[in-house]
Amino acid sequence: MTLKELKCIGRELTLFLGMFAGCFASLAGRRLLKVYVQGQLSDIQRKNCEAIALKFDQSPRP
């Protein structure tokens, strides 16, 4: 994939996640969803919430 294609996918993913904004009572919850999806797309070995939070400098238990 080219850099241009990756940027386009990133924008589309942001728009897609925006469709679920109403499912979260707070902005913090929406931000955590974004971190979770980034973690699922990352190269970390264990794809659990705690490992993802630590990789992206978030508290594992907010």
PDB file of N, CA and C in Angstrom:
ATOM      1  N   MET A   1       0.832  -1.183   0.000  1.00  0.00           N
ATOM      2  CA  MET A   1       0.000   0.000   0.000  1.00  0.00           C
ATOM      3  C   MET A   1       0.876   1.245   0.000  1.00  0.00           C
ATOM      4  N   THR A   2       0.381   2.243  -0.637  1.00  0.00           N
ATOM      5  CA  THR A   2       1.108   3.504  -0.663  1.00  0.00           C
ATOM      6  C   THR A   2       0.734   4.342   0.561  1.00  0.00           C
ATOM      7  N   LEU A   3       1.537   5.351   0.823  1.00  0.00           N
ATOM      8  CA  LEU A   3       1.263   6.252   1.942  1.00  0.00           C
ATOM      9  C   LEU A   3      -0.079   6.958   1.751  1.00  0.00           C
ATOM     10  N   LYS A   4      -0.384   7.324   0.521  1.00  0.00           N
ATOM     11  CA  LYS A   4      -1.651   7.996   0.225  1.00  0.00           C
ATOM     12  C   LYS A   4      -2.835   7.075   0.547  1.00  0.00           C
ATOM     13  N   GLU A   5      -2.720   5.792   0.198  1.00  0.00           N
ATOM     14  CA  GLU A   5      -3.784   4.832   0.481  1.00  0.00           C
ATOM     15  C   GLU A   5      -3.959   4.639   1.985  1.00  0.00           C
ATOM     16  N   LEU A   6      -2.849   4.589   2.697  1.00  0.00           N
ATOM     17  CA  LEU A   6      -2.921   4.433   4.157  1.00  0.00           C
ATOM     18  C   LEU A   6      -3.594   5.627   4.809  1.00  0.00           C
ATOM     19  N   LYS A   7      -3.287   6.834   4.344  1.00  0.00           N
ATOM     20  CA  LYS A   7      -3.928   8.031   4.890  1.00  0.00           C
ATOM     21  C   LYS A   7      -5.425   7.995   4.643  1.00  0.00           C
ATOM     22  N   CYS A   8      -5.806   7.544   3.468  1.00  0.00           N
ATOM     23  CA  CYS A   8      -7.225   7.460   3.119  1.00  0.00           C
ATOM     24  C   CYS A   8      -7.939   6.465   4.035  1.00  0.00           C
ATOM     25  N   ILE A   9      -7.318   5.343   4.283  1.00  0.00           N
ATOM     26  CA  ILE A   9      -7.907   4.335   5.170  1.00  0.00           C
ATOM     27  C   ILE A   9      -8.047   4.896   6.581  1.00  0.00           C
ATOM     28  N   GLY A  10      -7.044   5.649   7.031  1.00  0.00           N
ATOM     29  CA  GLY A  10      -7.107   6.256   8.352  1.00  0.00           C
ATOM     30  C   GLY A  10      -8.284   7.205   8.480  1.00  0.00           C
ATOM     31  N   ARG A  11      -8.514   7.999   7.455  1.00  0.00           N
ATOM     32  CA  ARG A  11      -9.649   8.918   7.470  1.00  0.00           C
ATOM     33  C   ARG A  11     -10.964   8.154   7.470  1.00  0.00           C
ATOM     34  N   GLU A  12     -11.035   7.112   6.657  1.00  0.00           N
ATOM     35  CA  GLU A  12     -12.255   6.311   6.592  1.00  0.00           C
ATOM     36  C   GLU A  12     -12.530   5.615   7.921  1.00  0.00           C
ATOM     37  N   LEU A  13     -11.478   5.141   8.575  1.00  0.00           N
ATOM     38  CA  LEU A  13     -11.639   4.492   9.871  1.00  0.00           C
ATOM     39  C   LEU A  13     -12.143   5.493  10.912  1.00  0.00           C
ATOM     40  N   THR A  14     -11.624   6.708  10.888  1.00  0.00           N
ATOM     41  CA  THR A  14     -12.080   7.744  11.811  1.00  0.00           C
ATOM     42  C   THR A  14     -13.565   8.040  11.594  1.00  0.00           C
ATOM     43  N   LEU A  15     -13.977   8.136  10.346  1.00  0.00           N
ATOM     44  CA  LEU A  15     -15.389   8.369  10.041  1.00  0.00           C
ATOM     45  C   LEU A  15     -16.252   7.191  10.498  1.00  0.00           C
ATOM     46  N   PHE A  16     -15.759   5.988  10.272  1.00  0.00           N
ATOM     47  CA  PHE A  16     -16.497   4.797  10.676  1.00  0.00           C
ATOM     48  C   PHE A  16     -16.681   4.756  12.193  1.00  0.00           C
ATOM     49  N   LEU A  17     -15.611   5.017  12.934  1.00  0.00           N
ATOM     50  CA  LEU A  17     -15.701   5.004  14.393  1.00  0.00           C
ATOM     51  C   LEU A  17     -16.615   6.116  14.884  1.00  0.00           C
ATOM     52  N   GLY A  18     -16.674   7.218  14.160  1.00  0.00           N
ATOM     53  CA  GLY A  18     -17.566   8.314  14.522  1.00  0.00           C
ATOM     54  C   GLY A  18     -19.035   7.908  14.514  1.00  0.00           C
ATOM     55  N   MET A  19     -19.363   6.893  13.735  1.00  0.00           N
ATOM     56  CA  MET A  19     -20.737   6.404  13.688  1.00  0.00           C
ATOM     57  C   MET A  19     -21.167   5.801  15.025  1.00  0.00           C
ATOM     58  N   PHE A  20     -20.205   5.402  15.846  1.00  0.00           N
ATOM     59  CA  PHE A  20     -20.504   4.770  17.122  1.00  0.00           C
ATOM     60  C   PHE A  20     -20.380   5.733  18.300  1.00  0.00           C
ATOM     61  N   ALA A  21     -20.181   7.001  18.031  1.00  0.00           N
ATOM     62  CA  ALA A  21     -19.984   7.994  19.093  1.00  0.00           C
ATOM     63  C   ALA A  21     -21.169   8.030  20.052  1.00  0.00           C
ATOM     64  N   GLY A  22     -22.369   7.843  19.534  1.00  0.00           N
ATOM     65  CA  GLY A  22     -23.559   7.873  20.377  1.00  0.00           C
ATOM     66  C   GLY A  22     -23.663   6.710  21.346  1.00  0.00           C
ATOM     67  N   CYS A  23     -22.830   5.699  21.157  1.00  0.00           N
ATOM     68  CA  CYS A  23     -22.842   4.526  22.048  1.00  0.00           C
ATOM     69  C   CYS A  23     -22.074   4.786  23.341  1.00  0.00           C
ATOM     70  N   PHE A  24     -21.373   5.908  23.407  1.00  0.00           N
ATOM     71  CA  PHE A  24     -20.540   6.218  24.564  1.00  0.00           C
ATOM     72  C   PHE A  24     -21.053   7.473  25.254  1.00  0.00           C
ATOM     73  N   ALA A  25     -21.160   7.410  26.557  1.00  0.00           N
ATOM     74  CA  ALA A  25     -21.688   8.534  27.325  1.00  0.00           C
ATOM     75  C   ALA A  25     -20.683   9.677  27.439  1.00  0.00           C
ATOM     76  N   SER A  26     -19.398   9.361  27.309  1.00  0.00           N
ATOM     77  CA  SER A  26     -18.389  10.408  27.509  1.00  0.00           C
ATOM     78  C   SER A  26     -17.376  10.424  26.376  1.00  0.00           C
ATOM     79  N   LEU A  27     -16.698  11.546  26.258  1.00  0.00           N
ATOM     80  CA  LEU A  27     -15.630  11.696  25.278  1.00  0.00           C
ATOM     81  C   LEU A  27     -14.479  10.745  25.597  1.00  0.00           C
ATOM     82  N   ALA A  28     -14.240  10.512  26.872  1.00  0.00           N
ATOM     83  CA  ALA A  28     -13.158   9.597  27.273  1.00  0.00           C
ATOM     84  C   ALA A  28     -13.403   8.194  26.724  1.00  0.00           C
ATOM     85  N   GLY A  29     -14.628   7.743  26.748  1.00  0.00           N
ATOM     86  CA  GLY A  29     -14.960   6.428  26.215  1.00  0.00           C
ATOM     87  C   GLY A  29     -14.704   6.347  24.724  1.00  0.00           C
ATOM     88  N   ARG A  30     -15.033   7.413  24.005  1.00  0.00           N
ATOM     89  CA  ARG A  30     -14.775   7.450  22.566  1.00  0.00           C
ATOM     90  C   ARG A  30     -13.279   7.412  22.276  1.00  0.00           C
ATOM     91  N   ARG A  31     -12.517   8.096  23.088  1.00  0.00           N
ATOM     92  CA  ARG A  31     -11.060   8.079  22.902  1.00  0.00           C
ATOM     93  C   ARG A  31     -10.493   6.694  23.154  1.00  0.00           C
ATOM     94  N   LEU A  32     -11.021   6.014  24.158  1.00  0.00           N
ATOM     95  CA  LEU A  32     -10.545   4.662  24.452  1.00  0.00           C
ATOM     96  C   LEU A  32     -10.893   3.694  23.319  1.00  0.00           C
ATOM     97  N   LEU A  33     -12.016   3.895  22.667  1.00  0.00           N
ATOM     98  CA  LEU A  33     -12.361   3.072  21.507  1.00  0.00           C
ATOM     99  C   LEU A  33     -11.307   3.236  20.422  1.00  0.00           C
ATOM    100  N   LYS A  34     -10.903   4.467  20.187  1.00  0.00           N
ATOM    101  CA  LYS A  34      -9.884   4.726  19.164  1.00  0.00           C
ATOM    102  C   LYS A  34      -8.565   4.043  19.520  1.00  0.00           C
ATOM    103  N   VAL A  35      -8.183   4.119  20.780  1.00  0.00           N
ATOM    104  CA  VAL A  35      -6.948   3.463  21.228  1.00  0.00           C
ATOM    105  C   VAL A  35      -7.070   1.952  21.051  1.00  0.00           C
ATOM    106  N   TYR A  36      -8.224   1.402  21.393  1.00  0.00           N
ATOM    107  CA  TYR A  36      -8.442  -0.041  21.265  1.00  0.00           C
ATOM    108  C   TYR A  36      -8.307  -0.491  19.807  1.00  0.00           C
ATOM    109  N   VAL A  37      -8.911   0.250  18.896  1.00  0.00           N
ATOM    110  CA  VAL A  37      -8.829  -0.115  17.478  1.00  0.00           C
ATOM    111  C   VAL A  37      -7.392   0.026  16.979  1.00  0.00           C
ATOM    112  N   GLN A  38      -6.688   1.073  17.404  1.00  0.00           N
ATOM    113  CA  GLN A  38      -5.282   1.217  17.030  1.00  0.00           C
ATOM    114  C   GLN A  38      -4.474   0.018  17.526  1.00  0.00           C
ATOM    115  N   GLY A  39      -4.782  -0.438  18.724  1.00  0.00           N
ATOM    116  CA  GLY A  39      -4.090  -1.595  19.275  1.00  0.00           C
ATOM    117  C   GLY A  39      -4.355  -2.855  18.485  1.00  0.00           C
ATOM    118  N   GLN A  40      -5.589  -3.027  18.051  1.00  0.00           N
ATOM    119  CA  GLN A  40      -5.922  -4.207  17.251  1.00  0.00           C
ATOM    120  C   GLN A  40      -5.184  -4.193  15.911  1.00  0.00           C
ATOM    121  N   LEU A  41      -4.916  -3.011  15.400  1.00  0.00           N
ATOM    122  CA  LEU A  41      -4.218  -2.892  14.125  1.00  0.00           C
ATOM    123  C   LEU A  41      -2.700  -2.836  14.283  1.00  0.00           C
ATOM    124  N   SER A  42      -2.213  -2.805  15.510  1.00  0.00           N
ATOM    125  CA  SER A  42      -0.778  -2.674  15.754  1.00  0.00           C
ATOM    126  C   SER A  42      -0.081  -4.036  15.674  1.00  0.00           C
ATOM    127  N   ASP A  43       1.221  -3.998  15.914  1.00  0.00           N
ATOM    128  CA  ASP A  43       2.027  -5.210  15.816  1.00  0.00           C
ATOM    129  C   ASP A  43       2.303  -5.876  17.170  1.00  0.00           C
ATOM    130  N   ILE A  44       1.569  -5.514  18.201  1.00  0.00           N
ATOM    131  CA  ILE A  44       1.813  -6.135  19.501  1.00  0.00           C
ATOM    132  C   ILE A  44       1.373  -7.592  19.474  1.00  0.00           C
ATOM    133  N   GLN A  45       2.043  -8.419  20.271  1.00  0.00           N
ATOM    134  CA  GLN A  45       1.770  -9.858  20.290  1.00  0.00           C
ATOM    135  C   GLN A  45       0.422 -10.175  20.919  1.00  0.00           C
ATOM    136  N   ARG A  46       0.204  -9.639  22.106  1.00  0.00           N
ATOM    137  CA  ARG A  46      -1.042  -9.933  22.825  1.00  0.00           C
ATOM    138  C   ARG A  46      -2.029  -8.802  22.613  1.00  0.00           C
ATOM    139  N   LYS A  47      -3.148  -9.102  22.046  1.00  0.00           N
ATOM    140  CA  LYS A  47      -4.138  -8.079  21.703  1.00  0.00           C
ATOM    141  C   LYS A  47      -5.242  -8.022  22.754  1.00  0.00           C
ATOM    142  N   ASN A  48      -4.846  -7.776  23.995  1.00  0.00           N
ATOM    143  CA  ASN A  48      -5.852  -7.603  25.044  1.00  0.00           C
ATOM    144  C   ASN A  48      -5.849  -6.142  25.494  1.00  0.00           C
ATOM    145  N   CYS A  49      -6.865  -5.771  26.229  1.00  0.00           N
ATOM    146  CA  CYS A  49      -7.036  -4.361  26.615  1.00  0.00           C
ATOM    147  C   CYS A  49      -5.849  -3.823  27.406  1.00  0.00           C
ATOM    148  N   GLU A  50      -5.330  -4.623  28.318  1.00  0.00           N
ATOM    149  CA  GLU A  50      -4.217  -4.149  29.144  1.00  0.00           C
ATOM    150  C   GLU A  50      -2.962  -3.931  28.312  1.00  0.00           C
ATOM    151  N   ALA A  51      -2.622  -4.864  27.440  1.00  0.00           N
ATOM    152  CA  ALA A  51      -1.431  -4.729  26.602  1.00  0.00           C
ATOM    153  C   ALA A  51      -1.561  -3.528  25.660  1.00  0.00           C
ATOM    154  N   ILE A  52      -2.748  -3.343  25.122  1.00  0.00           N
ATOM    155  CA  ILE A  52      -2.986  -2.209  24.213  1.00  0.00           C
ATOM    156  C   ILE A  52      -2.847  -0.893  24.973  1.00  0.00           C
ATOM    157  N   ALA A  53      -3.440  -0.812  26.150  1.00  0.00           N
ATOM    158  CA  ALA A  53      -3.359   0.421  26.942  1.00  0.00           C
ATOM    159  C   ALA A  53      -1.913   0.767  27.267  1.00  0.00           C
ATOM    160  N   LEU A  54      -1.146  -0.215  27.670  1.00  0.00           N
ATOM    161  CA  LEU A  54       0.255   0.040  28.010  1.00  0.00           C
ATOM    162  C   LEU A  54       1.060   0.471  26.790  1.00  0.00           C
ATOM    163  N   LYS A  55       0.788  -0.128  25.646  1.00  0.00           N
ATOM    164  CA  LYS A  55       1.503   0.235  24.403  1.00  0.00           C
ATOM    165  C   LYS A  55       1.251   1.687  24.027  1.00  0.00           C
ATOM    166  N   PHE A  56       0.032   2.171  24.259  1.00  0.00           N
ATOM    167  CA  PHE A  56      -0.331   3.525  23.857  1.00  0.00           C
ATOM    168  C   PHE A  56      -0.375   4.497  25.040  1.00  0.00           C
ATOM    169  N   ASP A  57       0.374   4.169  26.091  1.00  0.00           N
ATOM    170  CA  ASP A  57       0.522   5.052  27.268  1.00  0.00           C
ATOM    171  C   ASP A  57      -0.791   5.479  27.881  1.00  0.00           C
ATOM    172  N   GLN A  58      -1.703   4.523  28.032  1.00  0.00           N
ATOM    173  CA  GLN A  58      -2.986   4.750  28.675  1.00  0.00           C
ATOM    174  C   GLN A  58      -3.032   3.944  29.970  1.00  0.00           C
ATOM    175  N   SER A  59      -3.881   4.333  30.865  1.00  0.00           N
ATOM    176  CA  SER A  59      -4.073   3.558  32.089  1.00  0.00           C
ATOM    177  C   SER A  59      -4.863   2.294  31.727  1.00  0.00           C
ATOM    178  N   PRO A  60      -4.370   1.114  32.130  1.00  0.00           N
ATOM    179  CA  PRO A  60      -5.099  -0.106  31.789  1.00  0.00           C
ATOM    180  C   PRO A  60      -6.455  -0.212  32.460  1.00  0.00           C
ATOM    181  N   ARG A  61      -6.638   0.491  33.547  1.00  0.00           N
ATOM    182  CA  ARG A  61      -7.904   0.429  34.271  1.00  0.00           C
ATOM    183  C   ARG A  61      -8.364   1.848  34.615  1.00  0.00           C
ATOM    184  N   PRO A  62      -9.039   2.508  33.658  1.00  0.00           N
ATOM    185  CA  PRO A  62      -9.429   3.908  33.901  1.00  0.00           C
ATOM    186  C   PRO A  62     -10.507   4.036  34.964  1.00  0.00           C
TER     187      PRO A  62
END
